[in-house]
Amino acid sequence: MAIFIDDKEIVFSTALLVKQGQDSLIDIPLSAVPTTLRISLRFVIDHSQPQGAAWVVVDNLVRFTCTNWNNSFGVCTGTPISFGDVNGRPLFLQLAATSIGDNQLVHLWLLLGSSQ
């Protein structure tokens, strides 16, 4: 089964429950290349910063930090976040999270775009 949103194929999806400030590590095997993508997610509350999501690559680990995503109605990336490519195809991450007390119910999708 293949699922597409526009020209992007969903190649991985998961849901997890993460405490605020807790790191979660997700290893995603990529069939397009013989490698595993390592993603770290962290949700932090810092009222001196605007609400948002940012990422950096540190030692083959893509670290996503979501700041002030503490809304019981939910928060999401409005569009998929482009953060790399696999064999010339752009790689995207899309997140949605809902606060439950000190936890985040997180839905994560990894999408692969068409060749450029």
PDB file of N, CA and C in Angstrom:
ATOM      1  N   MET A   1       0.848  -1.178   0.000  1.00  0.00           N
ATOM      2  CA  MET A   1       0.000   0.000   0.000  1.00  0.00           C
ATOM      3  C   MET A   1       0.890   1.236   0.000  1.00  0.00           C
ATOM      4  N   ALA A   2       0.523   2.207  -0.783  1.00  0.00           N
ATOM      5  CA  ALA A   2       1.238   3.480  -0.826  1.00  0.00           C
ATOM      6  C   ALA A   2       0.238   4.603  -0.576  1.00  0.00           C
ATOM      7  N   ILE A   3       0.649   5.569   0.236  1.00  0.00           N
ATOM      8  CA  ILE A   3      -0.189   6.731   0.531  1.00  0.00           C
ATOM      9  C   ILE A   3       0.581   7.977   0.105  1.00  0.00           C
ATOM     10  N   PHE A   4      -0.080   8.835  -0.677  1.00  0.00           N
ATOM     11  CA  PHE A   4       0.535  10.073  -1.164  1.00  0.00           C
ATOM     12  C   PHE A   4      -0.281  11.273  -0.709  1.00  0.00           C
ATOM     13  N   ILE A   5       0.421  12.348  -0.402  1.00  0.00           N
ATOM     14  CA  ILE A   5      -0.184  13.662  -0.190  1.00  0.00           C
ATOM     15  C   ILE A   5       0.486  14.571  -1.207  1.00  0.00           C
ATOM     16  N   ASP A   6      -0.280  15.019  -2.181  1.00  0.00           N
ATOM     17  CA  ASP A   6       0.272  15.702  -3.352  1.00  0.00           C
ATOM     18  C   ASP A   6       1.306  14.775  -3.975  1.00  0.00           C
ATOM     19  N   ASP A   7       2.558  15.239  -4.141  1.00  0.00           N
ATOM     20  CA  ASP A   7       3.595  14.395  -4.753  1.00  0.00           C
ATOM     21  C   ASP A   7       4.497  13.742  -3.712  1.00  0.00           C
ATOM     22  N   LYS A   8       4.075  13.740  -2.438  1.00  0.00           N
ATOM     23  CA  LYS A   8       4.901  13.184  -1.359  1.00  0.00           C
ATOM     24  C   LYS A   8       4.319  11.858  -0.886  1.00  0.00           C
ATOM     25  N   GLU A   9       5.189  10.842  -0.840  1.00  0.00           N
ATOM     26  CA  GLU A   9       4.779   9.522  -0.377  1.00  0.00           C
ATOM     27  C   GLU A   9       5.086   9.386   1.117  1.00  0.00           C
ATOM     28  N   ILE A  10       4.114   8.930   1.895  1.00  0.00           N
ATOM     29  CA  ILE A  10       4.352   8.662   3.315  1.00  0.00           C
ATOM     30  C   ILE A  10       5.122   7.353   3.407  1.00  0.00           C
ATOM     31  N   VAL A  11       6.368   7.425   3.897  1.00  0.00           N
ATOM     32  CA  VAL A  11       7.214   6.236   3.975  1.00  0.00           C
ATOM     33  C   VAL A  11       7.353   5.717   5.412  1.00  0.00           C
ATOM     34  N   PHE A  12       6.872   6.500   6.387  1.00  0.00           N
ATOM     35  CA  PHE A  12       6.906   6.071   7.782  1.00  0.00           C
ATOM     36  C   PHE A  12       5.911   6.909   8.564  1.00  0.00           C
ATOM     37  N   SER A  13       5.234   6.283   9.514  1.00  0.00           N
ATOM     38  CA  SER A  13       4.374   7.041  10.422  1.00  0.00           C
ATOM     39  C   SER A  13       4.327   6.308  11.751  1.00  0.00           C
ATOM     40  N   THR A  14       4.163   7.079  12.816  1.00  0.00           N
ATOM     41  CA  THR A  14       4.066   6.498  14.150  1.00  0.00           C
ATOM     42  C   THR A  14       3.366   7.479  15.074  1.00  0.00           C
ATOM     43  N   ALA A  15       2.957   6.970  16.202  1.00  0.00           N
ATOM     44  CA  ALA A  15       2.394   7.803  17.269  1.00  0.00           C
ATOM     45  C   ALA A  15       3.084   7.397  18.559  1.00  0.00           C
ATOM     46  N   LEU A  16       3.363   8.367  19.422  1.00  0.00           N
ATOM     47  CA  LEU A  16       3.999   8.079  20.691  1.00  0.00           C
ATOM     48  C   LEU A  16       3.597   9.107  21.732  1.00  0.00           C
ATOM     49  N   LEU A  17       3.746   8.735  22.990  1.00  0.00           N
ATOM     50  CA  LEU A  17       3.450   9.618  24.115  1.00  0.00           C
ATOM     51  C   LEU A  17       4.771   9.996  24.756  1.00  0.00           C
ATOM     52  N   VAL A  18       5.062  11.317  24.805  1.00  0.00           N
ATOM     53  CA  VAL A  18       6.356  11.810  25.276  1.00  0.00           C
ATOM     54  C   VAL A  18       6.128  12.873  26.346  1.00  0.00           C
ATOM     55  N   LYS A  19       6.881  12.802  27.436  1.00  0.00           N
ATOM     56  CA  LYS A  19       6.808  13.842  28.468  1.00  0.00           C
ATOM     57  C   LYS A  19       7.489  15.118  27.981  1.00  0.00           C
ATOM     58  N   GLN A  20       7.000  16.264  28.443  1.00  0.00           N
ATOM     59  CA  GLN A  20       7.671  17.536  28.148  1.00  0.00           C
ATOM     60  C   GLN A  20       9.122  17.422  28.611  1.00  0.00           C
ATOM     61  N   GLY A  21      10.068  17.852  27.766  1.00  0.00           N
ATOM     62  CA  GLY A  21      11.482  17.843  28.117  1.00  0.00           C
ATOM     63  C   GLY A  21      12.176  16.508  27.947  1.00  0.00           C
ATOM     64  N   GLN A  22      11.432  15.465  27.617  1.00  0.00           N
ATOM     65  CA  GLN A  22      12.017  14.132  27.443  1.00  0.00           C
ATOM     66  C   GLN A  22      12.453  13.948  25.995  1.00  0.00           C
ATOM     67  N   ASP A  23      13.631  13.367  25.795  1.00  0.00           N
ATOM     68  CA  ASP A  23      14.086  13.048  24.448  1.00  0.00           C
ATOM     69  C   ASP A  23      13.502  11.718  24.015  1.00  0.00           C
ATOM     70  N   SER A  24      13.046  11.649  22.793  1.00  0.00           N
ATOM     71  CA  SER A  24      12.647  10.371  22.213  1.00  0.00           C
ATOM     72  C   SER A  24      13.526  10.145  20.991  1.00  0.00           C
ATOM     73  N   LEU A  25      13.935   8.911  20.791  1.00  0.00           N
ATOM     74  CA  LEU A  25      14.811   8.555  19.681  1.00  0.00           C
ATOM     75  C   LEU A  25      14.078   7.566  18.792  1.00  0.00           C
ATOM     76  N   ILE A  26      14.012   7.865  17.507  1.00  0.00           N
ATOM     77  CA  ILE A  26      13.309   7.019  16.546  1.00  0.00           C
ATOM     78  C   ILE A  26      14.298   6.630  15.457  1.00  0.00           C
ATOM     79  N   ASP A  27      14.510   5.344  15.285  1.00  0.00           N
ATOM     80  CA  ASP A  27      15.345   4.826  14.197  1.00  0.00           C
ATOM     81  C   ASP A  27      14.432   4.361  13.076  1.00  0.00           C
ATOM     82  N   ILE A  28      14.622   4.918  11.889  1.00  0.00           N
ATOM     83  CA  ILE A  28      13.751   4.623  10.754  1.00  0.00           C
ATOM     84  C   ILE A  28      14.591   4.030   9.625  1.00  0.00           C
ATOM     85  N   PRO A  29      14.406   2.753   9.326  1.00  0.00           N
ATOM     86  CA  PRO A  29      15.134   2.178   8.187  1.00  0.00           C
ATOM     87  C   PRO A  29      14.592   2.753   6.878  1.00  0.00           C
ATOM     88  N   LEU A  30      15.495   3.166   6.012  1.00  0.00           N
ATOM     89  CA  LEU A  30      15.097   3.710   4.717  1.00  0.00           C
ATOM     90  C   LEU A  30      15.410   2.676   3.646  1.00  0.00           C
ATOM     91  N   SER A  31      14.387   2.181   2.979  1.00  0.00           N
ATOM     92  CA  SER A  31      14.591   1.141   1.967  1.00  0.00           C
ATOM     93  C   SER A  31      15.240   1.699   0.696  1.00  0.00           C
ATOM     94  N   ALA A  32      15.109   3.006   0.463  1.00  0.00           N
ATOM     95  CA  ALA A  32      15.670   3.611  -0.745  1.00  0.00           C
ATOM     96  C   ALA A  32      17.206   3.625  -0.715  1.00  0.00           C
ATOM     97  N   VAL A  33      17.778   3.627   0.468  1.00  0.00           N
ATOM     98  CA  VAL A  33      19.236   3.576   0.646  1.00  0.00           C
ATOM     99  C   VAL A  33      19.519   2.632   1.810  1.00  0.00           C
ATOM    100  N   PRO A  34      20.662   1.983   1.814  1.00  0.00           N
ATOM    101  CA  PRO A  34      20.947   1.053   2.910  1.00  0.00           C
ATOM    102  C   PRO A  34      21.405   1.788   4.175  1.00  0.00           C
ATOM    103  N   THR A  35      20.483   2.473   4.816  1.00  0.00           N
ATOM    104  CA  THR A  35      20.835   3.219   6.027  1.00  0.00           C
ATOM    105  C   THR A  35      19.611   3.360   6.920  1.00  0.00           C
ATOM    106  N   THR A  36      19.864   3.801   8.130  1.00  0.00           N
ATOM    107  CA  THR A  36      18.797   4.081   9.085  1.00  0.00           C
ATOM    108  C   THR A  36      18.843   5.555   9.426  1.00  0.00           C
ATOM    109  N   LEU A  37      17.709   6.215   9.330  1.00  0.00           N
ATOM    110  CA  LEU A  37      17.587   7.619   9.701  1.00  0.00           C
ATOM    111  C   LEU A  37      17.307   7.683  11.190  1.00  0.00           C
ATOM    112  N   ARG A  38      18.092   8.461  11.921  1.00  0.00           N
ATOM    113  CA  ARG A  38      17.890   8.623  13.365  1.00  0.00           C
ATOM    114  C   ARG A  38      17.318  10.015  13.625  1.00  0.00           C
ATOM    115  N   ILE A  39      16.157  10.041  14.272  1.00  0.00           N
ATOM    116  CA  ILE A  39      15.475  11.290  14.603  1.00  0.00           C
ATOM    117  C   ILE A  39      15.274  11.355  16.105  1.00  0.00           C
ATOM    118  N   SER A  40      15.536  12.519  16.661  1.00  0.00           N
ATOM    119  CA  SER A  40      15.257  12.776  18.070  1.00  0.00           C
ATOM    120  C   SER A  40      14.197  13.871  18.148  1.00  0.00           C
ATOM    121  N   LEU A  41      13.213  13.667  19.014  1.00  0.00           N
ATOM    122  CA  LEU A  41      12.169  14.680  19.244  1.00  0.00           C
ATOM    123  C   LEU A  41      12.234  15.139  20.688  1.00  0.00           C
ATOM    124  N   ARG A  42      12.080  16.444  20.881  1.00  0.00           N
ATOM    125  CA  ARG A  42      12.015  17.003  22.228  1.00  0.00           C
ATOM    126  C   ARG A  42      11.012  18.130  22.226  1.00  0.00           C
ATOM    127  N   PHE A  43      10.134  18.123  23.224  1.00  0.00           N
ATOM    128  CA  PHE A  43       9.146  19.188  23.400  1.00  0.00           C
ATOM    129  C   PHE A  43       9.518  19.958  24.646  1.00  0.00           C
ATOM    130  N   VAL A  44       9.688  21.282  24.500  1.00  0.00           N
ATOM    131  CA  VAL A  44      10.097  22.125  25.626  1.00  0.00           C
ATOM    132  C   VAL A  44       9.153  23.313  25.776  1.00  0.00           C
ATOM    133  N   ILE A  45       9.019  23.757  27.013  1.00  0.00           N
ATOM    134  CA  ILE A  45       8.269  24.974  27.314  1.00  0.00           C
ATOM    135  C   ILE A  45       9.293  26.055  27.654  1.00  0.00           C
ATOM    136  N   ASP A  46       9.274  27.137  26.887  1.00  0.00           N
ATOM    137  CA  ASP A  46      10.157  28.281  27.125  1.00  0.00           C
ATOM    138  C   ASP A  46       9.387  29.518  26.684  1.00  0.00           C
ATOM    139  N   HIS A  47       8.732  30.175  27.633  1.00  0.00           N
ATOM    140  CA  HIS A  47       7.859  31.303  27.300  1.00  0.00           C
ATOM    141  C   HIS A  47       8.614  32.530  26.798  1.00  0.00           C
ATOM    142  N   SER A  48       9.955  32.506  26.878  1.00  0.00           N
ATOM    143  CA  SER A  48      10.727  33.612  26.307  1.00  0.00           C
ATOM    144  C   SER A  48      10.918  33.425  24.795  1.00  0.00           C
ATOM    145  N   GLN A  49      10.512  32.254  24.270  1.00  0.00           N
ATOM    146  CA  GLN A  49      10.654  31.948  22.848  1.00  0.00           C
ATOM    147  C   GLN A  49       9.274  31.846  22.202  1.00  0.00           C
ATOM    148  N   PRO A  50       9.180  32.123  20.906  1.00  0.00           N
ATOM    149  CA  PRO A  50       7.902  31.925  20.213  1.00  0.00           C
ATOM    150  C   PRO A  50       7.637  30.439  20.002  1.00  0.00           C
ATOM    151  N   GLN A  51       6.398  30.112  19.748  1.00  0.00           N
ATOM    152  CA  GLN A  51       6.046  28.726  19.434  1.00  0.00           C
ATOM    153  C   GLN A  51       6.648  28.371  18.083  1.00  0.00           C
ATOM    154  N   GLY A  52       7.236  27.192  17.990  1.00  0.00           N
ATOM    155  CA  GLY A  52       7.809  26.786  16.711  1.00  0.00           C
ATOM    156  C   GLY A  52       8.500  25.447  16.781  1.00  0.00           C
ATOM    157  N   ALA A  53       9.068  25.070  15.656  1.00  0.00           N
ATOM    158  CA  ALA A  53       9.825  23.821  15.543  1.00  0.00           C
ATOM    159  C   ALA A  53      11.107  24.122  14.788  1.00  0.00           C
ATOM    160  N   ALA A  54      12.199  23.520  15.240  1.00  0.00           N
ATOM    161  CA  ALA A  54      13.499  23.719  14.597  1.00  0.00           C
ATOM    162  C   ALA A  54      14.247  22.390  14.608  1.00  0.00           C
ATOM    163  N   TRP A  55      15.243  22.266  13.735  1.00  0.00           N
ATOM    164  CA  TRP A  55      16.021  21.040  13.694  1.00  0.00           C
ATOM    165  C   TRP A  55      17.474  21.339  13.400  1.00  0.00           C
ATOM    166  N   VAL A  56      18.341  20.469  13.894  1.00  0.00           N
ATOM    167  CA  VAL A  56      19.779  20.500  13.620  1.00  0.00           C
ATOM    168  C   VAL A  56      20.245  19.058  13.446  1.00  0.00           C
ATOM    169  N   VAL A  57      21.344  18.894  12.738  1.00  0.00           N
ATOM    170  CA  VAL A  57      21.953  17.574  12.585  1.00  0.00           C
ATOM    171  C   VAL A  57      23.188  17.536  13.465  1.00  0.00           C
ATOM    172  N   VAL A  58      23.258  16.538  14.349  1.00  0.00           N
ATOM    173  CA  VAL A  58      24.388  16.363  15.255  1.00  0.00           C
ATOM    174  C   VAL A  58      24.809  14.894  15.191  1.00  0.00           C
ATOM    175  N   ASP A  59      26.013  14.635  14.679  1.00  0.00           N
ATOM    176  CA  ASP A  59      26.550  13.270  14.631  1.00  0.00           C
ATOM    177  C   ASP A  59      25.560  12.266  14.043  1.00  0.00           C
ATOM    178  N   ASN A  60      25.089  12.508  12.832  1.00  0.00           N
ATOM    179  CA  ASN A  60      24.160  11.614  12.119  1.00  0.00           C
ATOM    180  C   ASN A  60      22.813  11.445  12.814  1.00  0.00           C
ATOM    181  N   LEU A  61      22.463  12.372  13.679  1.00  0.00           N
ATOM    182  CA  LEU A  61      21.172  12.379  14.356  1.00  0.00           C
ATOM    183  C   LEU A  61      20.469  13.689  14.025  1.00  0.00           C
ATOM    184  N   VAL A  62      19.232  13.612  13.536  1.00  0.00           N
ATOM    185  CA  VAL A  62      18.448  14.824  13.253  1.00  0.00           C
ATOM    186  C   VAL A  62      17.645  15.123  14.511  1.00  0.00           C
ATOM    187  N   ARG A  63      17.953  16.243  15.167  1.00  0.00           N
ATOM    188  CA  ARG A  63      17.288  16.629  16.418  1.00  0.00           C
ATOM    189  C   ARG A  63      16.226  17.683  16.130  1.00  0.00           C
ATOM    190  N   PHE A  64      14.970  17.300  16.343  1.00  0.00           N
ATOM    191  CA  PHE A  64      13.857  18.235  16.212  1.00  0.00           C
ATOM    192  C   PHE A  64      13.455  18.698  17.610  1.00  0.00           C
ATOM    193  N   THR A  65      13.350  20.016  17.778  1.00  0.00           N
ATOM    194  CA  THR A  65      12.888  20.595  19.038  1.00  0.00           C
ATOM    195  C   THR A  65      11.633  21.403  18.756  1.00  0.00           C
ATOM    196  N   CYS A  66      10.582  21.078  19.488  1.00  0.00           N
ATOM    197  CA  CYS A  66       9.306  21.794  19.361  1.00  0.00           C
ATOM    198  C   CYS A  66       9.128  22.627  20.620  1.00  0.00           C
ATOM    199  N   THR A  67       9.076  23.923  20.455  1.00  0.00           N
ATOM    200  CA  THR A  67       9.008  24.850  21.584  1.00  0.00           C
ATOM    201  C   THR A  67       7.588  25.370  21.754  1.00  0.00           C
ATOM    202  N   ASN A  68       7.104  25.287  22.987  1.00  0.00           N
ATOM    203  CA  ASN A  68       5.780  25.795  23.375  1.00  0.00           C
ATOM    204  C   ASN A  68       4.640  25.133  22.607  1.00  0.00           C
ATOM    205  N   TRP A  69       4.776  23.842  22.384  1.00  0.00           N
ATOM    206  CA  TRP A  69       3.698  23.062  21.770  1.00  0.00           C
ATOM    207  C   TRP A  69       2.850  22.474  22.888  1.00  0.00           C
ATOM    208  N   ASN A  70       2.298  23.280  23.734  1.00  0.00           N
ATOM    209  CA  ASN A  70       1.544  22.815  24.900  1.00  0.00           C
ATOM    210  C   ASN A  70       0.089  23.270  24.803  1.00  0.00           C
ATOM    211  N   ASN A  71      -0.626  22.699  23.862  1.00  0.00           N
ATOM    212  CA  ASN A  71      -2.010  23.063  23.623  1.00  0.00           C
ATOM    213  C   ASN A  71      -2.853  21.794  23.610  1.00  0.00           C
ATOM    214  N   SER A  72      -3.862  21.743  24.457  1.00  0.00           N
ATOM    215  CA  SER A  72      -4.694  20.538  24.522  1.00  0.00           C
ATOM    216  C   SER A  72      -5.581  20.370  23.284  1.00  0.00           C
ATOM    217  N   PHE A  73      -5.718  21.426  22.479  1.00  0.00           N
ATOM    218  CA  PHE A  73      -6.463  21.310  21.224  1.00  0.00           C
ATOM    219  C   PHE A  73      -5.572  20.807  20.091  1.00  0.00           C
ATOM    220  N   GLY A  74      -4.262  20.895  20.276  1.00  0.00           N
ATOM    221  CA  GLY A  74      -3.316  20.377  19.295  1.00  0.00           C
ATOM    222  C   GLY A  74      -2.528  21.447  18.580  1.00  0.00           C
ATOM    223  N   VAL A  75      -1.343  21.057  18.154  1.00  0.00           N
ATOM    224  CA  VAL A  75      -0.424  21.909  17.400  1.00  0.00           C
ATOM    225  C   VAL A  75       0.172  21.032  16.301  1.00  0.00           C
ATOM    226  N   CYS A  76       0.450  21.627  15.144  1.00  0.00           N
ATOM    227  CA  CYS A  76       1.060  20.835  14.079  1.00  0.00           C
ATOM    228  C   CYS A  76       1.928  21.716  13.198  1.00  0.00           C
ATOM    229  N   THR A  77       2.766  21.060  12.406  1.00  0.00           N
ATOM    230  CA  THR A  77       3.476  21.789  11.369  1.00  0.00           C
ATOM    231  C   THR A  77       2.445  22.039  10.272  1.00  0.00           C
ATOM    232  N   GLY A  78       2.319  23.261   9.832  1.00  0.00           N
ATOM    233  CA  GLY A  78       1.310  23.593   8.829  1.00  0.00           C
ATOM    234  C   GLY A  78       1.537  22.861   7.523  1.00  0.00           C
ATOM    235  N   THR A  79       2.782  22.681   7.178  1.00  0.00           N
ATOM    236  CA  THR A  79       3.177  21.937   5.990  1.00  0.00           C
ATOM    237  C   THR A  79       4.349  21.047   6.387  1.00  0.00           C
ATOM    238  N   PRO A  80       4.637  20.023   5.607  1.00  0.00           N
ATOM    239  CA  PRO A  80       5.796  19.191   5.919  1.00  0.00           C
ATOM    240  C   PRO A  80       7.095  20.009   5.913  1.00  0.00           C
ATOM    241  N   ILE A  81       7.996  19.687   6.828  1.00  0.00           N
ATOM    242  CA  ILE A  81       9.288  20.367   6.955  1.00  0.00           C
ATOM    243  C   ILE A  81      10.316  19.616   6.114  1.00  0.00           C
ATOM    244  N   SER A  82      10.896  20.283   5.131  1.00  0.00           N
ATOM    245  CA  SER A  82      11.939  19.675   4.307  1.00  0.00           C
ATOM    246  C   SER A  82      13.249  19.722   5.084  1.00  0.00           C
ATOM    247  N   PHE A  83      13.916  18.557   5.228  1.00  0.00           N
ATOM    248  CA  PHE A  83      15.157  18.568   6.009  1.00  0.00           C
ATOM    249  C   PHE A  83      16.265  17.728   5.400  1.00  0.00           C
ATOM    250  N   GLY A  84      16.145  17.322   4.158  1.00  0.00           N
ATOM    251  CA  GLY A  84      17.209  16.557   3.512  1.00  0.00           C
ATOM    252  C   GLY A  84      16.707  15.923   2.241  1.00  0.00           C
ATOM    253  N   ASP A  85      17.496  14.974   1.718  1.00  0.00           N
ATOM    254  CA  ASP A  85      17.054  14.244   0.531  1.00  0.00           C
ATOM    255  C   ASP A  85      17.609  12.827   0.578  1.00  0.00           C
ATOM    256  N   VAL A  86      16.952  11.953  -0.146  1.00  0.00           N
ATOM    257  CA  VAL A  86      17.354  10.560  -0.283  1.00  0.00           C
ATOM    258  C   VAL A  86      17.397  10.251  -1.772  1.00  0.00           C
ATOM    259  N   ASN A  87      18.586   9.992  -2.287  1.00  0.00           N
ATOM    260  CA  ASN A  87      18.757   9.695  -3.729  1.00  0.00           C
ATOM    261  C   ASN A  87      18.099  10.749  -4.614  1.00  0.00           C
ATOM    262  N   GLY A  88      18.271  12.022  -4.275  1.00  0.00           N
ATOM    263  CA  GLY A  88      17.721  13.108  -5.079  1.00  0.00           C
ATOM    264  C   GLY A  88      16.251  13.409  -4.837  1.00  0.00           C
ATOM    265  N   ARG A  89      15.623  12.683  -3.906  1.00  0.00           N
ATOM    266  CA  ARG A  89      14.207  12.941  -3.576  1.00  0.00           C
ATOM    267  C   ARG A  89      14.155  13.674  -2.239  1.00  0.00           C
ATOM    268  N   PRO A  90      13.452  14.801  -2.162  1.00  0.00           N
ATOM    269  CA  PRO A  90      13.395  15.556  -0.911  1.00  0.00           C
ATOM    270  C   PRO A  90      12.701  14.758   0.198  1.00  0.00           C
ATOM    271  N   LEU A  91      13.226  14.912   1.410  1.00  0.00           N
ATOM    272  CA  LEU A  91      12.722  14.219   2.592  1.00  0.00           C
ATOM    273  C   LEU A  91      12.026  15.235   3.491  1.00  0.00           C
ATOM    274  N   PHE A  92      10.842  14.894   3.983  1.00  0.00           N
ATOM    275  CA  PHE A  92      10.029  15.812   4.781  1.00  0.00           C
ATOM    276  C   PHE A  92       9.592  15.130   6.077  1.00  0.00           C
ATOM    277  N   LEU A  93       9.351  15.940   7.089  1.00  0.00           N
ATOM    278  CA  LEU A  93       8.781  15.478   8.349  1.00  0.00           C
ATOM    279  C   LEU A  93       7.552  16.324   8.639  1.00  0.00           C
ATOM    280  N   GLN A  94       6.497  15.672   9.068  1.00  0.00           N
ATOM    281  CA  GLN A  94       5.302  16.397   9.502  1.00  0.00           C
ATOM    282  C   GLN A  94       4.924  15.888  10.888  1.00  0.00           C
ATOM    283  N   LEU A  95       4.570  16.817  11.782  1.00  0.00           N
ATOM    284  CA  LEU A  95       4.241  16.498  13.169  1.00  0.00           C
ATOM    285  C   LEU A  95       2.900  17.092  13.550  1.00  0.00           C
ATOM    286  N   ALA A  96       2.215  16.388  14.443  1.00  0.00           N
ATOM    287  CA  ALA A  96       1.027  16.913  15.105  1.00  0.00           C
ATOM    288  C   ALA A  96       1.123  16.444  16.550  1.00  0.00           C
ATOM    289  N   ALA A  97       0.809  17.320  17.497  1.00  0.00           N
ATOM    290  CA  ALA A  97       0.921  16.961  18.912  1.00  0.00           C
ATOM    291  C   ALA A  97      -0.220  17.587  19.698  1.00  0.00           C
ATOM    292  N   THR A  98      -0.685  16.844  20.683  1.00  0.00           N
ATOM    293  CA  THR A  98      -1.733  17.295  21.582  1.00  0.00           C
ATOM    294  C   THR A  98      -1.239  17.138  23.009  1.00  0.00           C
ATOM    295  N   SER A  99      -1.378  18.179  23.833  1.00  0.00           N
ATOM    296  CA  SER A  99      -0.947  18.108  25.235  1.00  0.00           C
ATOM    297  C   SER A  99      -1.969  17.348  26.063  1.00  0.00           C
ATOM    298  N   ILE A 100      -1.450  16.454  26.896  1.00  0.00           N
ATOM    299  CA  ILE A 100      -2.251  15.737  27.882  1.00  0.00           C
ATOM    300  C   ILE A 100      -1.480  15.841  29.195  1.00  0.00           C
ATOM    301  N   GLY A 101      -1.829  16.803  30.031  1.00  0.00           N
ATOM    302  CA  GLY A 101      -1.053  17.046  31.250  1.00  0.00           C
ATOM    303  C   GLY A 101       0.359  17.468  30.887  1.00  0.00           C
ATOM    304  N   ASP A 102       1.362  16.752  31.414  1.00  0.00           N
ATOM    305  CA  ASP A 102       2.771  17.035  31.105  1.00  0.00           C
ATOM    306  C   ASP A 102       3.279  16.211  29.933  1.00  0.00           C
ATOM    307  N   ASN A 103       2.379  15.613  29.194  1.00  0.00           N
ATOM    308  CA  ASN A 103       2.755  14.743  28.079  1.00  0.00           C
ATOM    309  C   ASN A 103       2.297  15.321  26.751  1.00  0.00           C
ATOM    310  N   GLN A 104       2.922  14.823  25.701  1.00  0.00           N
ATOM    311  CA  GLN A 104       2.515  15.139  24.330  1.00  0.00           C
ATOM    312  C   GLN A 104       2.154  13.836  23.634  1.00  0.00           C
ATOM    313  N   LEU A 105       0.952  13.782  23.063  1.00  0.00           N
ATOM    314  CA  LEU A 105       0.595  12.686  22.173  1.00  0.00           C
ATOM    315  C   LEU A 105       1.031  13.141  20.786  1.00  0.00           C
ATOM    316  N   VAL A 106       2.032  12.482  20.241  1.00  0.00           N
ATOM    317  CA  VAL A 106       2.695  12.927  19.019  1.00  0.00           C
ATOM    318  C   VAL A 106       2.382  11.978  17.869  1.00  0.00           C
ATOM    319  N   HIS A 107       2.045  12.556  16.738  1.00  0.00           N
ATOM    320  CA  HIS A 107       1.897  11.810  15.491  1.00  0.00           C
ATOM    321  C   HIS A 107       2.979  12.337  14.557  1.00  0.00           C
ATOM    322  N   LEU A 108       3.754  11.423  13.998  1.00  0.00           N
ATOM    323  CA  LEU A 108       4.884  11.791  13.146  1.00  0.00           C
ATOM    324  C   LEU A 108       4.753  11.069  11.813  1.00  0.00           C
ATOM    325  N   TRP A 109       4.987  11.803  10.740  1.00  0.00           N
ATOM    326  CA  TRP A 109       4.998  11.236   9.393  1.00  0.00           C
ATOM    327  C   TRP A 109       6.291  11.636   8.711  1.00  0.00           C
ATOM    328  N   LEU A 110       6.915  10.690   8.036  1.00  0.00           N
ATOM    329  CA  LEU A 110       8.077  10.941   7.212  1.00  0.00           C
ATOM    330  C   LEU A 110       7.623  10.772   5.770  1.00  0.00           C
ATOM    331  N   LEU A 111       7.885  11.785   4.948  1.00  0.00           N
ATOM    332  CA  LEU A 111       7.420  11.767   3.557  1.00  0.00           C
ATOM    333  C   LEU A 111       8.606  11.923   2.605  1.00  0.00           C
ATOM    334  N   LEU A 112       8.492  11.291   1.459  1.00  0.00           N
ATOM    335  CA  LEU A 112       9.524  11.376   0.447  1.00  0.00           C
ATOM    336  C   LEU A 112       8.902  11.976  -0.810  1.00  0.00           C
ATOM    337  N   GLY A 113       9.485  13.091  -1.271  1.00  0.00           N
ATOM    338  CA  GLY A 113       8.968  13.777  -2.450  1.00  0.00           C
ATOM    339  C   GLY A 113       9.408  13.111  -3.737  1.00  0.00           C
ATOM    340  N   SER A 114       8.873  13.600  -4.842  1.00  0.00           N
ATOM    341  CA  SER A 114       9.246  13.048  -6.154  1.00  0.00           C
ATOM    342  C   SER A 114      10.614  13.576  -6.549  1.00  0.00           C
ATOM    343  N   SER A 115      11.247  12.904  -7.495  1.00  0.00           N
ATOM    344  CA  SER A 115      12.561  13.329  -7.978  1.00  0.00           C
ATOM    345  C   SER A 115      12.473  14.712  -8.592  1.00  0.00           C
ATOM    346  N   GLN A 116      13.530  15.459  -8.415  1.00  0.00           N
ATOM    347  CA  GLN A 116      13.523  16.840  -8.918  1.00  0.00           C
ATOM    348  C   GLN A 116      14.102  16.933 -10.305  1.00  0.00           C
TER     349      GLN A 116
END
